[in-house]
Each structure stands twice: as structure tokens, then as C-alpha cells.
């Protein structure tokens, strides 16, 4: 399937910042760096996002491609149809406020505590926390790992 024949690719729905963020996500998902996302890669990322897709749903996403793997343009198409069911940014902010100290405008929280809750509730796989959210973690003088919620919201809101 060529890009020009794809009926579902909707680049106009994205800003340049969103395309950059999705490109970063694509490269993160593409574990072996071959420029395509396989069904294994796709399953991992949806699990990390807290979405439990069936093998049929994953296969259906990939079946629209000739070789059963997603290139970046095809990934944009899949994401445009799938992201509509992701939580609104205000819900994520509300959840982060539960973990941060009252009045903390930066929405900072203990990264290890957040990781534990995300794993316990099945929102993120055990080995994916650092890979997906590591860029938003810093270390305090005391050695505590701090998740920077405001930075995360700014990144996903672009």
C-alpha cells in the first residue's frame, strides 16, 4: 500500500510538534531500529499506554499494510484513529495531582511510587517505565527520583 493510496492517513490533524512527538514515540517503539513497527512492538506500546488490545485488534491495525508492519506514515494513520480514546490531558493532570504535594504547580512526584502504581494497575509494563517516562525523571540532592509531571504534560500536549 503506498502512502498516496492510503485513505486513513490524516497528516492535517497534527501540528509539527505533534508529528515530532509521534516520530520520537515511533522510534521508541521500533526496538530494533529497522524503521518499521511489528506486531510485537505494537503490542508492547499499547500495553505501556494502558490499553489491552487483543491479538485480532493488533493484527487488524497491521493488516492494512502490505507487509504487516507499520512505517512512520502508516503509524500516524493508526494513531489518528486510535488516540481518540486516550484520556484527556486534564485527567492525566488530575491523576498527577494525587501523587504530588498539595500546591505543587510542577506536579512533581516520587518516580518510584508512580512506577509502582502504574505497574500495579496494569497501565504500564514492568520494564517500560524507564523507557517511556525516563526523560521526565530527575534526581534530587537526597537521591530521590522525581517524576516531572508538568514537563510530561507539556510534552504530550504538544
Protein backbone atom coordinates (compact mmCIF):
# COMPACT_ATOMS: atom_id res chain seq x y z
CA UNK A 1 0.00 0.00 0.00
CA UNK A 2 1.53 3.30 -0.94
CA UNK A 3 1.02 6.41 1.10
CA UNK A 4 -0.89 8.08 -1.72
CA UNK A 5 -3.40 5.21 -1.75
CA UNK A 6 -3.99 5.28 1.98
CA UNK A 7 -7.44 6.57 2.81
CA UNK A 8 -6.84 6.97 6.52
CA UNK A 9 -3.63 9.00 6.67
CA UNK A 10 -4.60 12.38 8.07
CA UNK A 11 -1.47 14.48 8.49
CA UNK A 12 -3.56 17.66 8.68
CA UNK A 13 -4.77 16.55 12.13
CA UNK A 14 -1.27 17.01 13.54
CA UNK A 15 0.86 20.06 14.30
CA UNK A 16 4.59 19.92 13.56
CA UNK A 17 5.24 19.45 17.30
CA UNK A 18 2.81 16.53 17.43
CA UNK A 19 4.46 14.92 14.41
CA UNK A 20 7.86 15.31 16.10
CA UNK A 21 6.49 13.77 19.32
CA UNK A 22 4.94 10.89 17.39
CA UNK A 23 8.20 10.40 15.48
CA UNK A 24 10.01 10.17 18.81
CA UNK A 25 7.39 7.67 20.01
CA UNK A 26 7.74 5.68 16.77
CA UNK A 27 11.50 5.44 17.24
CA UNK A 28 11.00 4.40 20.86
CA UNK A 29 8.56 1.65 19.85
CA UNK A 30 10.76 0.43 16.99
CA UNK A 31 13.05 -1.57 19.29
CA UNK A 32 15.41 -2.86 16.61
CA UNK A 33 15.58 0.45 14.70
CA UNK A 34 14.60 -1.04 11.34
CA UNK A 35 12.12 1.76 10.53
CA UNK A 36 9.05 -0.43 10.98
CA UNK A 37 6.85 -1.48 13.86
CA UNK A 38 5.95 -5.16 14.13
CA UNK A 39 3.00 -6.70 15.97
CA UNK A 40 5.27 -7.36 18.97
CA UNK A 41 6.37 -3.71 19.05
CA UNK A 42 2.76 -2.53 18.72
CA UNK A 43 1.51 -4.82 21.49
CA UNK A 44 4.24 -3.55 23.86
CA UNK A 45 3.41 0.10 23.36
CA UNK A 46 -0.36 -0.30 23.76
CA UNK A 47 0.24 -2.23 26.98
CA UNK A 48 2.51 0.56 28.16
CA UNK A 49 -0.26 3.05 27.42
CA UNK A 50 -2.69 1.02 29.50
CA UNK A 51 -4.63 -0.31 26.53
CA UNK A 52 -5.10 -4.05 26.45
CA UNK A 53 -5.65 -4.86 22.78
CA UNK A 54 -6.47 -8.33 21.57
CA UNK A 55 -4.21 -10.03 19.06
CA UNK A 56 -7.01 -9.58 16.50
CA UNK A 57 -7.03 -5.80 17.05
CA UNK A 58 -3.26 -5.63 16.64
CA UNK A 59 -3.39 -7.82 13.56
CA UNK A 60 -6.16 -5.63 12.15
CA UNK A 61 -4.02 -2.50 12.61
CA UNK A 62 -1.16 -4.14 10.77
CA UNK A 63 -3.26 -5.91 8.14
CA UNK A 64 -3.89 -2.62 6.39
CA UNK A 65 -0.21 -2.64 5.39
CA UNK A 66 1.15 -4.82 2.60
CA UNK A 67 3.88 -6.43 4.70
CA UNK A 68 2.07 -6.43 8.06
CA UNK A 69 4.41 -3.85 9.60
CA UNK A 70 3.93 -0.13 10.18
CA UNK A 71 6.13 2.52 8.63
CA UNK A 72 6.06 6.01 10.15
CA UNK A 73 3.35 7.39 7.80
CA UNK A 74 1.19 4.34 8.48
CA UNK A 75 1.86 4.77 12.22
CA UNK A 76 0.48 8.34 12.01
CA UNK A 77 -2.65 6.96 10.42
CA UNK A 78 -3.14 4.29 13.08
CA UNK A 79 -2.51 6.78 15.86
CA UNK A 80 -5.02 9.27 14.48
CA UNK A 81 -7.76 6.66 14.65
CA UNK A 82 -6.62 5.19 17.97
CA UNK A 83 -5.70 8.24 20.04
CA UNK A 84 -9.26 9.48 20.19
CA UNK A 85 -9.84 7.09 23.06
CA UNK A 86 -6.83 8.26 25.08
CA UNK A 87 -7.58 10.22 28.25
CA UNK A 88 -7.86 13.98 28.06
CA UNK A 89 -4.84 15.89 29.37
CA UNK A 90 -6.93 17.23 32.27
CA UNK A 91 -7.49 13.66 33.52
CA UNK A 92 -3.76 12.99 33.45
CA UNK A 93 -3.16 16.26 35.32
CA UNK A 94 -5.76 15.31 37.96
CA UNK A 95 -4.10 11.92 38.42
CA UNK A 96 -0.65 13.51 38.81
CA UNK A 97 -2.03 15.90 41.43
CA UNK A 98 -2.90 12.88 43.57
CA UNK A 99 0.79 11.90 43.65
CA UNK A 100 2.26 15.39 44.02
CA UNK A 101 2.32 17.59 47.11
CA UNK A 102 -0.57 19.99 47.56
CA UNK A 103 0.08 23.24 45.74
CA UNK A 104 2.97 21.82 43.67
CA UNK A 105 2.46 23.56 40.33
CA UNK A 106 5.18 21.41 38.75
CA UNK A 107 3.19 18.24 39.56
CA UNK A 108 6.39 16.54 40.74
CA UNK A 109 6.09 13.19 42.45
CA UNK A 110 8.19 10.26 43.60
CA UNK A 111 9.07 8.38 40.41
CA UNK A 112 9.38 5.02 42.16
CA UNK A 113 5.95 5.38 43.78
CA UNK A 114 4.39 6.39 40.45
CA UNK A 115 6.07 3.44 38.73
CA UNK A 116 4.76 1.05 41.38
CA UNK A 117 1.17 2.26 40.97
CA UNK A 118 1.32 2.23 37.17
CA UNK A 119 2.62 -1.33 37.20
CA UNK A 120 0.13 -2.48 39.85
CA UNK A 121 -2.82 -1.13 37.89
CA UNK A 122 -1.56 -2.52 34.59
CA UNK A 123 -1.15 0.86 32.93
CA UNK A 124 2.48 0.26 32.13
CA UNK A 125 4.60 -2.85 31.80
CA UNK A 126 7.30 -3.57 34.36
CA UNK A 127 10.22 -2.87 32.03
CA UNK A 128 8.71 0.04 30.12
CA UNK A 129 8.54 2.75 32.79
CA UNK A 130 12.12 3.96 32.35
CA UNK A 131 11.98 3.63 28.60
CA UNK A 132 8.77 5.62 28.20
CA UNK A 133 8.98 8.08 31.08
CA UNK A 134 12.69 8.24 31.89
CA UNK A 135 13.13 11.59 30.15
CA UNK A 136 10.81 13.14 32.73
CA UNK A 137 12.72 11.91 35.79
CA UNK A 138 15.43 13.78 37.67
CA UNK A 139 17.26 13.03 40.88
CA UNK A 140 17.08 15.24 43.96
CA UNK A 141 20.03 16.06 46.20
CA UNK A 142 18.83 13.34 48.59
CA UNK A 143 18.86 10.76 45.80
CA UNK A 144 15.09 10.58 45.42
CA UNK A 145 13.96 10.07 41.83
CA UNK A 146 11.42 12.75 40.91
CA UNK A 147 8.94 12.46 38.04
CA UNK A 148 8.37 15.90 36.48
CA UNK A 149 4.65 15.84 35.74
CA UNK A 150 4.45 19.35 34.26
CA UNK A 151 7.22 18.54 31.75
CA UNK A 152 5.41 15.33 30.84
CA UNK A 153 2.11 17.17 30.28
CA UNK A 154 3.85 19.77 28.13
CA UNK A 155 5.40 17.03 26.00
CA UNK A 156 2.19 15.05 25.47
CA UNK A 157 0.16 18.21 24.97
CA UNK A 158 2.24 19.43 22.02
